[in-house]
C-alpha atoms as a PDB file:
ATOM      1  CA  MET A   1      24.294   2.805  10.015  1.00  0.00           C
ATOM      2  CA  SER A   2      20.683   1.837  10.543  1.00  0.00           C
ATOM      3  CA  VAL A   3      17.867   3.632  12.302  1.00  0.00           C
ATOM      4  CA  ASN A   4      18.293   4.238  16.035  1.00  0.00           C
ATOM      5  CA  ASN A   5      15.267   3.719  18.275  1.00  0.00           C
ATOM      6  CA  ASN A   6      15.509   7.300  19.564  1.00  0.00           C
ATOM      7  CA  GLU A   7      15.763   9.046  16.192  1.00  0.00           C
ATOM      8  CA  LYS A   8      12.731  10.959  14.963  1.00  0.00           C
ATOM      9  CA  ILE A   9      10.454   9.077  12.570  1.00  0.00           C
ATOM     10  CA  TYR A  10       7.639  10.780  10.682  1.00  0.00           C
ATOM     11  CA  ILE A  11       4.738   8.578   9.553  1.00  0.00           C
ATOM     12  CA  ALA A  12       2.736  10.399   6.874  1.00  0.00           C
ATOM     13  CA  GLY A  13      -0.802   9.030   6.776  1.00  0.00           C
ATOM     14  CA  HIS A  14      -0.757   7.558  10.295  1.00  0.00           C
ATOM     15  CA  ARG A  15      -4.537   7.180  10.444  1.00  0.00           C
ATOM     16  CA  GLY A  16      -4.776   5.083   7.303  1.00  0.00           C
ATOM     17  CA  LEU A  17      -4.554   1.323   6.947  1.00  0.00           C
ATOM     18  CA  VAL A  18      -0.771   1.159   6.470  1.00  0.00           C
ATOM     19  CA  GLY A  19       0.151   4.199   8.531  1.00  0.00           C
ATOM     20  CA  SER A  20      -1.735   3.013  11.617  1.00  0.00           C
ATOM     21  CA  ALA A  21      -0.090  -0.415  11.311  1.00  0.00           C
ATOM     22  CA  LEU A  22       3.330   1.244  11.105  1.00  0.00           C
ATOM     23  CA  VAL A  23       2.618   3.187  14.305  1.00  0.00           C
ATOM     24  CA  ARG A  24       1.470  -0.015  16.058  1.00  0.00           C
ATOM     25  CA  ARG A  25       4.495  -2.019  15.011  1.00  0.00           C
ATOM     26  CA  LEU A  26       7.055   0.751  15.594  1.00  0.00           C
ATOM     27  CA  ASN A  27       5.730   1.197  19.123  1.00  0.00           C
ATOM     28  CA  ALA A  28       5.777  -2.564  19.654  1.00  0.00           C
ATOM     29  CA  VAL A  29       9.463  -2.883  18.726  1.00  0.00           C
ATOM     30  CA  GLY A  30      10.598   0.019  20.871  1.00  0.00           C
ATOM     31  CA  PHE A  31      10.671   3.160  18.723  1.00  0.00           C
ATOM     32  CA  THR A  32       9.910   6.069  21.024  1.00  0.00           C
ATOM     33  CA  ASN A  33      10.196   9.213  18.888  1.00  0.00           C
ATOM     34  CA  LEU A  34       7.328   9.065  16.402  1.00  0.00           C
ATOM     35  CA  THR A  35       5.941  12.196  14.760  1.00  0.00           C
ATOM     36  CA  VAL A  36       2.460  12.265  13.225  1.00  0.00           C
ATOM     37  CA  ARG A  37       0.009  14.879  12.005  1.00  0.00           C
ATOM     38  CA  ALA A  38      -3.698  14.498  11.316  1.00  0.00           C
ATOM     39  CA  HIS A  39      -5.105  15.807   8.052  1.00  0.00           C
ATOM     40  CA  ASP A  40      -6.602  18.873   9.734  1.00  0.00           C
ATOM     41  CA  GLU A  41      -3.197  19.650  11.275  1.00  0.00           C
ATOM     42  CA  LEU A  42      -1.120  19.272   8.103  1.00  0.00           C
ATOM     43  CA  GLU A  43      -2.469  19.331   4.534  1.00  0.00           C
ATOM     44  CA  LEU A  44       0.115  17.377   2.575  1.00  0.00           C
ATOM     45  CA  THR A  45      -0.973  18.822  -0.775  1.00  0.00           C
ATOM     46  CA  ASP A  46       0.012  22.272   0.574  1.00  0.00           C
ATOM     47  CA  GLN A  47       3.678  22.688  -0.374  1.00  0.00           C
ATOM     48  CA  ALA A  48       4.355  25.586   1.996  1.00  0.00           C
ATOM     49  CA  ALA A  49       2.796  23.770   4.940  1.00  0.00           C
ATOM     50  CA  VAL A  50       4.811  20.619   4.277  1.00  0.00           C
ATOM     51  CA  ARG A  51       8.018  22.605   3.911  1.00  0.00           C
ATOM     52  CA  GLN A  52       7.379  24.387   7.234  1.00  0.00           C
ATOM     53  CA  PHE A  53       6.613  21.085   8.967  1.00  0.00           C
ATOM     54  CA  PHE A  54       9.914  19.545   7.851  1.00  0.00           C
ATOM     55  CA  LYS A  55      11.804  22.716   8.763  1.00  0.00           C
ATOM     56  CA  SER A  56      10.437  22.728  12.303  1.00  0.00           C
ATOM     57  CA  GLU A  57      10.291  18.985  13.029  1.00  0.00           C
ATOM     58  CA  ARG A  58      13.444  17.783  11.209  1.00  0.00           C
ATOM     59  CA  PRO A  59      12.543  14.074  11.044  1.00  0.00           C
ATOM     60  CA  ASP A  60      15.428  11.659  10.525  1.00  0.00           C
ATOM     61  CA  TYR A  61      13.332   9.014   8.765  1.00  0.00           C
ATOM     62  CA  VAL A  62      10.058   9.129   6.840  1.00  0.00           C
ATOM     63  CA  PHE A  63       7.441   6.510   6.030  1.00  0.00           C
ATOM     64  CA  LEU A  64       5.328   8.027   3.246  1.00  0.00           C
ATOM     65  CA  ALA A  65       2.086   6.084   3.652  1.00  0.00           C
ATOM     66  CA  ALA A  66      -0.317   8.969   2.980  1.00  0.00           C
ATOM     67  CA  ALA A  67      -2.380   8.460  -0.181  1.00  0.00           C
ATOM     68  CA  LYS A  68      -5.841   8.686  -1.673  1.00  0.00           C
ATOM     69  CA  VAL A  69      -6.885   5.082  -2.280  1.00  0.00           C
ATOM     70  CA  GLY A  70      -9.977   3.158  -3.322  1.00  0.00           C
ATOM     71  CA  GLY A  71     -11.393   0.308  -5.344  1.00  0.00           C
ATOM     72  CA  ILE A  72     -12.472   0.112  -8.985  1.00  0.00           C
ATOM     73  CA  TYR A  73     -15.590   2.260  -8.488  1.00  0.00           C
ATOM     74  CA  ALA A  74     -13.715   5.034  -6.678  1.00  0.00           C
ATOM     75  CA  ASN A  75     -10.889   5.049  -9.216  1.00  0.00           C
ATOM     76  CA  ASN A  76     -13.363   5.252 -12.105  1.00  0.00           C
ATOM     77  CA  THR A  77     -15.484   7.941 -10.442  1.00  0.00           C
ATOM     78  CA  TYR A  78     -12.763  10.267  -9.136  1.00  0.00           C
ATOM     79  CA  PRO A  79      -9.787   9.904 -11.523  1.00  0.00           C
ATOM     80  CA  ALA A  80      -8.799  13.590 -11.289  1.00  0.00           C
ATOM     81  CA  ASP A  81      -8.731  13.451  -7.480  1.00  0.00           C
ATOM     82  CA  PHE A  82      -6.655  10.282  -7.506  1.00  0.00           C
ATOM     83  CA  ILE A  83      -3.926  11.664  -9.743  1.00  0.00           C
ATOM     84  CA  TYR A  84      -3.903  15.222  -8.354  1.00  0.00           C
ATOM     85  CA  ASP A  85      -3.958  14.385  -4.648  1.00  0.00           C
ATOM     86  CA  ASN A  86      -1.415  11.581  -4.828  1.00  0.00           C
ATOM     87  CA  ILE A  87       1.070  13.445  -6.998  1.00  0.00           C
ATOM     88  CA  GLY A  88       0.726  16.495  -4.750  1.00  0.00           C
ATOM     89  CA  VAL A  89       1.356  14.577  -1.532  1.00  0.00           C
ATOM     90  CA  GLN A  90       4.308  12.638  -2.944  1.00  0.00           C
ATOM     91  CA  THR A  91       5.941  15.655  -4.558  1.00  0.00           C
ATOM     92  CA  ASN A  92       5.747  17.798  -1.454  1.00  0.00           C
ATOM     93  CA  VAL A  93       6.924  15.172   1.037  1.00  0.00           C
ATOM     94  CA  ILE A  94       9.759  13.753  -1.084  1.00  0.00           C
ATOM     95  CA  HIS A  95      11.053  17.201  -2.009  1.00  0.00           C
ATOM     96  CA  ALA A  96      10.911  18.433   1.602  1.00  0.00           C
ATOM     97  CA  ALA A  97      12.631  15.255   2.799  1.00  0.00           C
ATOM     98  CA  TRP A  98      15.542  16.016   0.478  1.00  0.00           C
ATOM     99  CA  GLN A  99      15.626  19.700   1.427  1.00  0.00           C
ATOM    100  CA  HIS A 100      15.825  18.954   5.134  1.00  0.00           C
ATOM    101  CA  GLY A 101      18.267  16.068   5.124  1.00  0.00           C
ATOM    102  CA  VAL A 102      16.082  13.040   5.837  1.00  0.00           C
ATOM    103  CA  LYS A 103      18.383  10.033   6.133  1.00  0.00           C
ATOM    104  CA  ARG A 104      16.004   7.494   4.607  1.00  0.00           C
ATOM    105  CA  LEU A 105      12.499   7.600   3.154  1.00  0.00           C
ATOM    106  CA  LEU A 106      10.188   4.690   2.350  1.00  0.00           C
ATOM    107  CA  PHE A 107       7.579   5.559  -0.273  1.00  0.00           C
ATOM    108  CA  LEU A 108       4.626   3.174  -0.268  1.00  0.00           C
ATOM    109  CA  GLY A 109       3.143   2.545  -3.677  1.00  0.00           C
ATOM    110  CA  SER A 110       0.860  -0.137  -5.066  1.00  0.00           C
ATOM    111  CA  SER A 111       1.091  -3.245  -7.221  1.00  0.00           C
ATOM    112  CA  CYS A 112      -1.195  -1.514  -9.744  1.00  0.00           C
ATOM    113  CA  ILE A 113       1.923   0.239 -11.100  1.00  0.00           C
ATOM    114  CA  TYR A 114       2.647  -2.878 -13.156  1.00  0.00           C
ATOM    115  CA  PRO A 115       1.160  -3.439 -16.634  1.00  0.00           C
ATOM    116  CA  ARG A 116      -2.335  -4.881 -16.912  1.00  0.00           C
ATOM    117  CA  ASP A 117      -1.123  -7.990 -18.746  1.00  0.00           C
ATOM    118  CA  CYS A 118       2.152  -8.279 -16.875  1.00  0.00           C
ATOM    119  CA  PRO A 119       3.928 -11.656 -16.733  1.00  0.00           C
ATOM    120  CA  GLN A 120       3.201 -13.454 -13.474  1.00  0.00           C
ATOM    121  CA  PRO A 121       4.554 -13.175 -10.865  1.00  0.00           C
ATOM    122  CA  MET A 122       5.286  -9.468 -11.405  1.00  0.00           C
ATOM    123  CA  GLN A 123       8.928  -8.497 -10.977  1.00  0.00           C
ATOM    124  CA  GLU A 124      10.281  -5.059 -10.170  1.00  0.00           C
ATOM    125  CA  SER A 125      11.890  -4.994 -13.617  1.00  0.00           C
ATOM    126  CA  HIS A 126       8.427  -5.158 -15.253  1.00  0.00           C
ATOM    127  CA  LEU A 127       7.745  -1.524 -14.375  1.00  0.00           C
ATOM    128  CA  LEU A 128       6.772   0.500 -17.512  1.00  0.00           C
ATOM    129  CA  SER A 129       6.976  -2.583 -19.721  1.00  0.00           C
ATOM    130  CA  GLY A 130       3.376  -2.390 -20.995  1.00  0.00           C
ATOM    131  CA  PRO A 131      -0.017  -0.611 -20.832  1.00  0.00           C
ATOM    132  CA  LEU A 132      -1.672  -0.077 -17.447  1.00  0.00           C
ATOM    133  CA  GLU A 133      -5.113  -1.253 -16.321  1.00  0.00           C
ATOM    134  CA  PRO A 134      -7.497   1.521 -17.530  1.00  0.00           C
ATOM    135  CA  THR A 135      -9.744   1.473 -14.441  1.00  0.00           C
ATOM    136  CA  ASN A 136      -6.974   2.692 -12.131  1.00  0.00           C
ATOM    137  CA  ARG A 137      -4.511   4.299 -14.550  1.00  0.00           C
ATOM    138  CA  PRO A 138      -4.523   7.803 -12.934  1.00  0.00           C
ATOM    139  CA  TYR A 139      -3.672   6.308  -9.541  1.00  0.00           C
ATOM    140  CA  ALA A 140      -1.044   4.024 -11.051  1.00  0.00           C
ATOM    141  CA  VAL A 141       0.575   6.889 -12.971  1.00  0.00           C
ATOM    142  CA  ALA A 142       0.761   8.907  -9.747  1.00  0.00           C
ATOM    143  CA  LYS A 143       2.473   6.049  -7.934  1.00  0.00           C
ATOM    144  CA  ILE A 144       4.874   5.491 -10.835  1.00  0.00           C
ATOM    145  CA  ALA A 145       5.741   9.187 -10.609  1.00  0.00           C
ATOM    146  CA  GLY A 146       6.598   8.634  -6.936  1.00  0.00           C
ATOM    147  CA  VAL A 147       8.942   5.775  -7.823  1.00  0.00           C
ATOM    148  CA  GLU A 148      10.609   7.885 -10.497  1.00  0.00           C
ATOM    149  CA  MET A 149      10.919  10.833  -8.117  1.00  0.00           C
ATOM    150  CA  CYS A 150      12.693   8.717  -5.500  1.00  0.00           C
ATOM    151  CA  TRP A 151      14.986   7.342  -8.193  1.00  0.00           C
ATOM    152  CA  ALA A 152      15.750  10.784  -9.606  1.00  0.00           C
ATOM    153  CA  PHE A 153      16.549  12.314  -6.206  1.00  0.00           C
ATOM    154  CA  ASN A 154      18.809   9.368  -5.367  1.00  0.00           C
ATOM    155  CA  ARG A 155      20.732   9.822  -8.601  1.00  0.00           C
ATOM    156  CA  GLN A 156      20.987  13.595  -8.527  1.00  0.00           C
ATOM    157  CA  TYR A 157      21.297  14.326  -4.814  1.00  0.00           C
ATOM    158  CA  GLY A 158      22.508  11.078  -3.252  1.00  0.00           C
ATOM    159  CA  THR A 159      19.370  10.591  -1.153  1.00  0.00           C
ATOM    160  CA  ARG A 160      18.372   7.198   0.221  1.00  0.00           C
ATOM    161  CA  PHE A 161      14.743   6.956  -0.856  1.00  0.00           C
ATOM    162  CA  LEU A 162      13.264   3.488  -1.426  1.00  0.00           C
ATOM    163  CA  SER A 163       9.903   2.649  -3.046  1.00  0.00           C
ATOM    164  CA  VAL A 164       7.971  -0.253  -1.563  1.00  0.00           C
ATOM    165  CA  MET A 165       5.227  -1.878  -3.633  1.00  0.00           C
ATOM    166  CA  PRO A 166       2.761  -3.863  -1.510  1.00  0.00           C
ATOM    167  CA  THR A 167       0.180  -6.271  -2.769  1.00  0.00           C
ATOM    168  CA  ASN A 168      -3.476  -5.848  -1.711  1.00  0.00           C
ATOM    169  CA  LEU A 169      -3.518  -5.082   2.010  1.00  0.00           C
ATOM    170  CA  TYR A 170      -6.234  -5.634   4.603  1.00  0.00           C
ATOM    171  CA  GLY A 171      -6.688  -5.597   8.361  1.00  0.00           C
ATOM    172  CA  PRO A 172      -7.319  -3.160  11.240  1.00  0.00           C
ATOM    173  CA  GLY A 173      -7.871   0.412  10.107  1.00  0.00           C
ATOM    174  CA  ASP A 174      -9.244  -0.537   6.687  1.00  0.00           C
ATOM    175  CA  ASN A 175     -11.861   1.530   4.866  1.00  0.00           C
ATOM    176  CA  TYR A 176     -15.300  -0.130   4.799  1.00  0.00           C
ATOM    177  CA  ASP A 177     -17.118   2.727   3.072  1.00  0.00           C
ATOM    178  CA  LEU A 178     -19.166   1.250   0.222  1.00  0.00           C
ATOM    179  CA  PRO A 179     -18.659   1.674  -2.706  1.00  0.00           C
ATOM    180  CA  ASN A 180     -15.278   3.406  -2.368  1.00  0.00           C
ATOM    181  CA  CYS A 181     -13.327   0.677  -0.580  1.00  0.00           C
ATOM    182  CA  HIS A 182     -11.293  -2.234  -1.901  1.00  0.00           C
ATOM    183  CA  VAL A 183     -12.666  -5.676  -2.643  1.00  0.00           C
ATOM    184  CA  LEU A 184     -11.892  -7.474   0.631  1.00  0.00           C
ATOM    185  CA  PRO A 185     -13.355  -4.904   3.054  1.00  0.00           C
ATOM    186  CA  ALA A 186     -16.262  -4.347   0.651  1.00  0.00           C
ATOM    187  CA  LEU A 187     -17.097  -8.056   0.753  1.00  0.00           C
ATOM    188  CA  ILE A 188     -16.826  -8.161   4.546  1.00  0.00           C
ATOM    189  CA  ARG A 189     -19.354  -5.355   4.854  1.00  0.00           C
ATOM    190  CA  LYS A 190     -21.703  -6.689   2.167  1.00  0.00           C
ATOM    191  CA  MET A 191     -21.688 -10.203   3.638  1.00  0.00           C
ATOM    192  CA  HIS A 192     -22.265  -8.956   7.181  1.00  0.00           C
ATOM    193  CA  GLU A 193     -25.117  -6.634   6.241  1.00  0.00           C
ATOM    194  CA  ALA A 194     -26.719  -9.327   4.072  1.00  0.00           C
ATOM    195  CA  LYS A 195     -26.507 -11.768   6.983  1.00  0.00           C
ATOM    196  CA  MET A 196     -28.108  -9.266   9.363  1.00  0.00           C
ATOM    197  CA  ARG A 197     -30.956  -8.567   6.909  1.00  0.00           C
ATOM    198  CA  GLY A 198     -31.472 -12.244   6.157  1.00  0.00           C
ATOM    199  CA  ASP A 199     -30.771 -11.777   2.431  1.00  0.00           C
ATOM    200  CA  LYS A 200     -30.697 -14.865   0.252  1.00  0.00           C
ATOM    201  CA  GLN A 201     -27.876 -13.632  -1.995  1.00  0.00           C
ATOM    202  CA  VAL A 202     -25.007 -11.161  -2.326  1.00  0.00           C
ATOM    203  CA  THR A 203     -24.037  -9.645  -5.677  1.00  0.00           C
ATOM    204  CA  ILE A 204     -20.324  -9.301  -6.431  1.00  0.00           C
ATOM    205  CA  TRP A 205     -18.744  -7.281  -9.231  1.00  0.00           C
ATOM    206  CA  GLY A 206     -17.130  -9.154 -12.118  1.00  0.00           C
ATOM    207  CA  THR A 207     -16.842 -12.786 -13.080  1.00  0.00           C
ATOM    208  CA  GLY A 208     -15.098 -13.934  -9.929  1.00  0.00           C
ATOM    209  CA  ASN A 209     -12.220 -15.268 -12.018  1.00  0.00           C
ATOM    210  CA  ALA A 210      -9.755 -12.420 -11.443  1.00  0.00           C
ATOM    211  CA  ARG A 211      -6.939 -13.470  -9.135  1.00  0.00           C
ATOM    212  CA  ARG A 212      -5.656 -11.365  -6.262  1.00  0.00           C
ATOM    213  CA  GLU A 213      -2.937 -11.624  -3.627  1.00  0.00           C
ATOM    214  CA  PHE A 214      -3.595 -10.371  -0.078  1.00  0.00           C
ATOM    215  CA  LEU A 215      -1.306  -9.476   2.811  1.00  0.00           C
ATOM    216  CA  TYR A 216      -2.259  -8.655   6.404  1.00  0.00           C
ATOM    217  CA  VAL A 217      -1.265  -5.056   7.035  1.00  0.00           C
ATOM    218  CA  ASP A 218       0.804  -5.719  10.177  1.00  0.00           C
ATOM    219  CA  ASP A 219       2.971  -8.076   8.114  1.00  0.00           C
ATOM    220  CA  MET A 220       3.450  -5.241   5.631  1.00  0.00           C
ATOM    221  CA  ALA A 221       4.442  -2.887   8.454  1.00  0.00           C
ATOM    222  CA  ASN A 222       6.971  -5.395   9.760  1.00  0.00           C
ATOM    223  CA  ALA A 223       8.529  -5.648   6.299  1.00  0.00           C
ATOM    224  CA  CYS A 224       8.786  -1.854   6.044  1.00  0.00           C
ATOM    225  CA  ILE A 225      10.472  -1.594   9.432  1.00  0.00           C
ATOM    226  CA  LEU A 226      12.909  -4.349   8.484  1.00  0.00           C
ATOM    227  CA  LEU A 227      13.818  -2.435   5.324  1.00  0.00           C
ATOM    228  CA  MET A 228      14.233   0.855   7.141  1.00  0.00           C
ATOM    229  CA  LYS A 229      16.524  -0.780   9.711  1.00  0.00           C
ATOM    230  CA  LEU A 230      18.809  -2.513   7.198  1.00  0.00           C
ATOM    231  CA  PRO A 231      22.536  -1.815   7.482  1.00  0.00           C
ATOM    232  CA  ASP A 232      23.810   0.653   4.891  1.00  0.00           C
ATOM    233  CA  VAL A 233      25.352  -1.985   2.640  1.00  0.00           C
ATOM    234  CA  GLN A 234      22.054  -3.852   2.264  1.00  0.00           C
ATOM    235  CA  PHE A 235      19.883  -0.745   2.038  1.00  0.00           C
ATOM    236  CA  ASN A 236      22.157   0.862  -0.536  1.00  0.00           C
ATOM    237  CA  SER A 237      22.041  -2.279  -2.677  1.00  0.00           C
ATOM    238  CA  LEU A 238      18.279  -1.804  -3.006  1.00  0.00           C
ATOM    239  CA  ILE A 239      18.550   1.791  -4.221  1.00  0.00           C
ATOM    240  CA  SER A 240      21.811   1.776  -6.187  1.00  0.00           C
ATOM    241  CA  SER A 241      21.437  -0.777  -8.964  1.00  0.00           C
ATOM    242  CA  ASP A 242      22.297   1.927 -11.505  1.00  0.00           C
ATOM    243  CA  ALA A 243      25.550   2.818  -9.689  1.00  0.00           C
ATOM    244  CA  GLY A 244      24.519   6.465  -9.689  1.00  0.00           C
ATOM    245  CA  ASP A 245      24.387   6.950 -13.446  1.00  0.00           C
ATOM    246  CA  SER A 246      21.417   7.837 -15.644  1.00  0.00           C
ATOM    247  CA  ASN A 247      20.904   4.412 -17.175  1.00  0.00           C
ATOM    248  CA  THR A 248      17.120   4.194 -17.180  1.00  0.00           C
ATOM    249  CA  ALA A 249      17.242   0.510 -18.095  1.00  0.00           C
ATOM    250  CA  ALA A 250      18.611  -0.297 -14.642  1.00  0.00           C
ATOM    251  CA  LEU A 251      16.395  -1.460 -11.786  1.00  0.00           C
ATOM    252  CA  PRO A 252      14.649   1.389  -9.911  1.00  0.00           C
ATOM    253  CA  PRO A 253      14.833   1.683  -6.097  1.00  0.00           C
ATOM    254  CA  LEU A 254      11.813  -0.558  -5.814  1.00  0.00           C
ATOM    255  CA  ILE A 255      10.963  -3.701  -3.869  1.00  0.00           C
ATOM    256  CA  ASN A 256       7.789  -5.809  -3.861  1.00  0.00           C
ATOM    257  CA  ILE A 257       6.124  -6.961  -0.654  1.00  0.00           C
ATOM    258  CA  GLY A 258       3.526  -9.717  -0.721  1.00  0.00           C
ATOM    259  CA  CYS A 259       2.860 -13.269   0.397  1.00  0.00           C
ATOM    260  CA  GLY A 260       3.685 -14.932  -2.937  1.00  0.00           C
ATOM    261  CA  ALA A 261       0.313 -16.669  -3.380  1.00  0.00           C
ATOM    262  CA  ASP A 262      -3.044 -15.598  -4.802  1.00  0.00           C
ATOM    263  CA  LEU A 263      -6.649 -16.760  -5.102  1.00  0.00           C
ATOM    264  CA  THR A 264      -9.660 -15.975  -7.263  1.00  0.00           C
ATOM    265  CA  VAL A 265     -12.171 -13.342  -6.221  1.00  0.00           C
ATOM    266  CA  ARG A 266     -14.714 -16.175  -6.077  1.00  0.00           C
ATOM    267  CA  ALA A 267     -12.555 -18.071  -3.564  1.00  0.00           C
ATOM    268  CA  LEU A 268     -12.069 -14.844  -1.637  1.00  0.00           C
ATOM    269  CA  ALA A 269     -15.830 -14.297  -1.460  1.00  0.00           C
ATOM    270  CA  GLU A 270     -16.411 -17.877  -0.327  1.00  0.00           C
ATOM    271  CA  THR A 271     -13.800 -17.503   2.434  1.00  0.00           C
ATOM    272  CA  ILE A 272     -15.334 -14.262   3.678  1.00  0.00           C
ATOM    273  CA  ALA A 273     -18.870 -15.715   3.567  1.00  0.00           C
ATOM    274  CA  ARG A 274     -17.738 -18.618   5.734  1.00  0.00           C
ATOM    275  CA  ILE A 275     -15.984 -16.387   8.280  1.00  0.00           C
ATOM    276  CA  VAL A 276     -18.824 -13.851   8.440  1.00  0.00           C
ATOM    277  CA  GLY A 277     -21.456 -16.568   8.562  1.00  0.00           C
ATOM    278  CA  PHE A 278     -23.404 -15.605   5.448  1.00  0.00           C
ATOM    279  CA  LYS A 279     -25.271 -18.688   4.162  1.00  0.00           C
ATOM    280  CA  GLY A 280     -26.842 -17.285   0.991  1.00  0.00           C
ATOM    281  CA  ALA A 281     -25.847 -17.485  -2.670  1.00  0.00           C
ATOM    282  CA  LEU A 282     -22.985 -15.555  -4.259  1.00  0.00           C
ATOM    283  CA  VAL A 283     -24.060 -13.942  -7.549  1.00  0.00           C
ATOM    284  CA  PHE A 284     -21.423 -12.487  -9.884  1.00  0.00           C
ATOM    285  CA  ASP A 285     -22.430  -9.472 -11.990  1.00  0.00           C
ATOM    286  CA  THR A 286     -20.493 -10.009 -15.208  1.00  0.00           C
ATOM    287  CA  THR A 287     -21.573  -6.610 -16.568  1.00  0.00           C
ATOM    288  CA  LYS A 288     -19.142  -5.036 -14.059  1.00  0.00           C
ATOM    289  CA  PRO A 289     -15.373  -4.979 -14.650  1.00  0.00           C
ATOM    290  CA  ASP A 290     -12.913  -7.487 -13.205  1.00  0.00           C
ATOM    291  CA  GLY A 291     -10.004  -5.071 -13.344  1.00  0.00           C
ATOM    292  CA  THR A 292      -6.561  -6.559 -13.926  1.00  0.00           C
ATOM    293  CA  PRO A 293      -6.892 -10.318 -14.604  1.00  0.00           C
ATOM    294  CA  ARG A 294      -4.145 -11.284 -12.164  1.00  0.00           C
ATOM    295  CA  LYS A 295      -1.845  -9.438  -9.759  1.00  0.00           C
ATOM    296  CA  LEU A 296       0.720 -11.690  -8.112  1.00  0.00           C
ATOM    297  CA  LEU A 297       3.994 -10.159  -6.979  1.00  0.00           C
ATOM    298  CA  ASP A 298       7.410 -11.731  -7.285  1.00  0.00           C
ATOM    299  CA  VAL A 299       8.618 -11.401  -3.685  1.00  0.00           C
ATOM    300  CA  SER A 300      11.982 -13.116  -4.048  1.00  0.00           C
ATOM    301  CA  ARG A 301      13.963  -9.961  -3.211  1.00  0.00           C
ATOM    302  CA  ILE A 302      12.216  -9.307   0.120  1.00  0.00           C
ATOM    303  CA  GLN A 303      12.423 -13.019   0.948  1.00  0.00           C
ATOM    304  CA  GLU A 304      16.187 -12.878   0.414  1.00  0.00           C
ATOM    305  CA  LEU A 305      16.228 -10.479   3.387  1.00  0.00           C
ATOM    306  CA  ASN A 306      14.723 -13.265   5.549  1.00  0.00           C
ATOM    307  CA  TRP A 307      11.238 -11.748   5.725  1.00  0.00           C
ATOM    308  CA  ARG A 308       8.094 -13.872   5.571  1.00  0.00           C
ATOM    309  CA  PRO A 309       4.480 -12.982   6.451  1.00  0.00           C
ATOM    310  CA  GLU A 310       3.300 -14.368   9.777  1.00  0.00           C
ATOM    311  CA  VAL A 311      -0.495 -14.064   9.570  1.00  0.00           C
ATOM    312  CA  GLU A 312      -2.266 -16.871   7.709  1.00  0.00           C
ATOM    313  CA  PHE A 313      -4.937 -15.559   5.325  1.00  0.00           C
ATOM    314  CA  ALA A 314      -8.126 -16.984   6.890  1.00  0.00           C
ATOM    315  CA  HIS A 315      -6.954 -15.929  10.339  1.00  0.00           C
ATOM    316  CA  GLY A 316      -6.188 -12.456   9.006  1.00  0.00           C
ATOM    317  CA  VAL A 317      -9.685 -12.167   7.536  1.00  0.00           C
ATOM    318  CA  SER A 318     -11.135 -13.197  10.902  1.00  0.00           C
ATOM    319  CA  LEU A 319      -9.094 -10.445  12.589  1.00  0.00           C
ATOM    320  CA  ALA A 320     -10.270  -7.950   9.963  1.00  0.00           C
ATOM    321  CA  TYR A 321     -13.910  -8.951  10.542  1.00  0.00           C
ATOM    322  CA  GLU A 322     -13.486  -8.496  14.285  1.00  0.00           C
ATOM    323  CA  ASP A 323     -12.037  -5.032  13.627  1.00  0.00           C
ATOM    324  CA  PHE A 324     -14.992  -4.203  11.356  1.00  0.00           C
ATOM    325  CA  LEU A 325     -17.475  -5.208  14.055  1.00  0.00           C
ATOM    326  CA  ARG A 326     -15.592  -3.228  16.693  1.00  0.00           C
ATOM    327  CA  THR A 327     -14.859  -0.026  14.750  1.00  0.00           C
ATOM    328  CA  VAL A 328     -17.722   0.243  12.245  1.00  0.00           C
ATOM    329  CA  MET A 329     -20.755  -1.685  13.447  1.00  0.00           C
ATOM    330  CA  SER A 330     -20.444  -0.630  17.088  1.00  0.00           C
ATOM    331  CA  LYS A 331     -20.856   3.070  16.198  1.00  0.00           C
END
């Protein structure tokens, strides 16, 4: 069995970066029964409301893309919000999905779940093998809890819940709200505004030496849809490495999604400056944190399923800049 185009699919967080890409791609490949709720229609941290939603809507499949996200500044400034909101959303949706017989659930996490000084590239087996990056530890702990919750429900109740760990994502629907957004959209906005003001330089947090991997969000959505549509034998192999027992040393129901290549923040900034057309100097503020030194995912498992990203990085940044001009600067 794999998902039928007419079965009901709930996308939690459909207005966010990943959720909106999932809606775009699901529509593009012929899925006709999508269920979504805006934040003012369904508060996912409200357990009773989530339970009632699942009881009335009875979705067959769930993409859990709803989350509170942000860059280093946001994570440092609002750590309580990041851990409380994310754990609340995950707990309520995953529990309700089990209660109401959801056939498959994809929980979207983050590569920040891996240790700060993790071997590179980071494998799924590296989870909980070392200390986390302090600047985003509350968010990472929340996402790790989501992975463990999926794993626990699979073992105890026989659910088919899979955790998907994407690398840094960008593209249409991104958050460009300074200073709460991630590094790539933040640099797009800073470079554009500096260009429009005629500034001679742009200041960037950190040394510029930290390395990051980036994936265009529609590629991420395509990977998620591929996973959700896998035949049972393949899907079950991703969630059943422990053969149903309680051996916590076994591999969790977890799969990385990325492009398999990274670049320095300095190279990222130079690429964005070229695409945006900013001609000034790039100044790196070394009094600000770099965050994790390097975050490159081992993507061999998703590649074994014959998935590869389609959008080349510079082209993806150009598409993201066009989206920024259209959705942010035109307001």
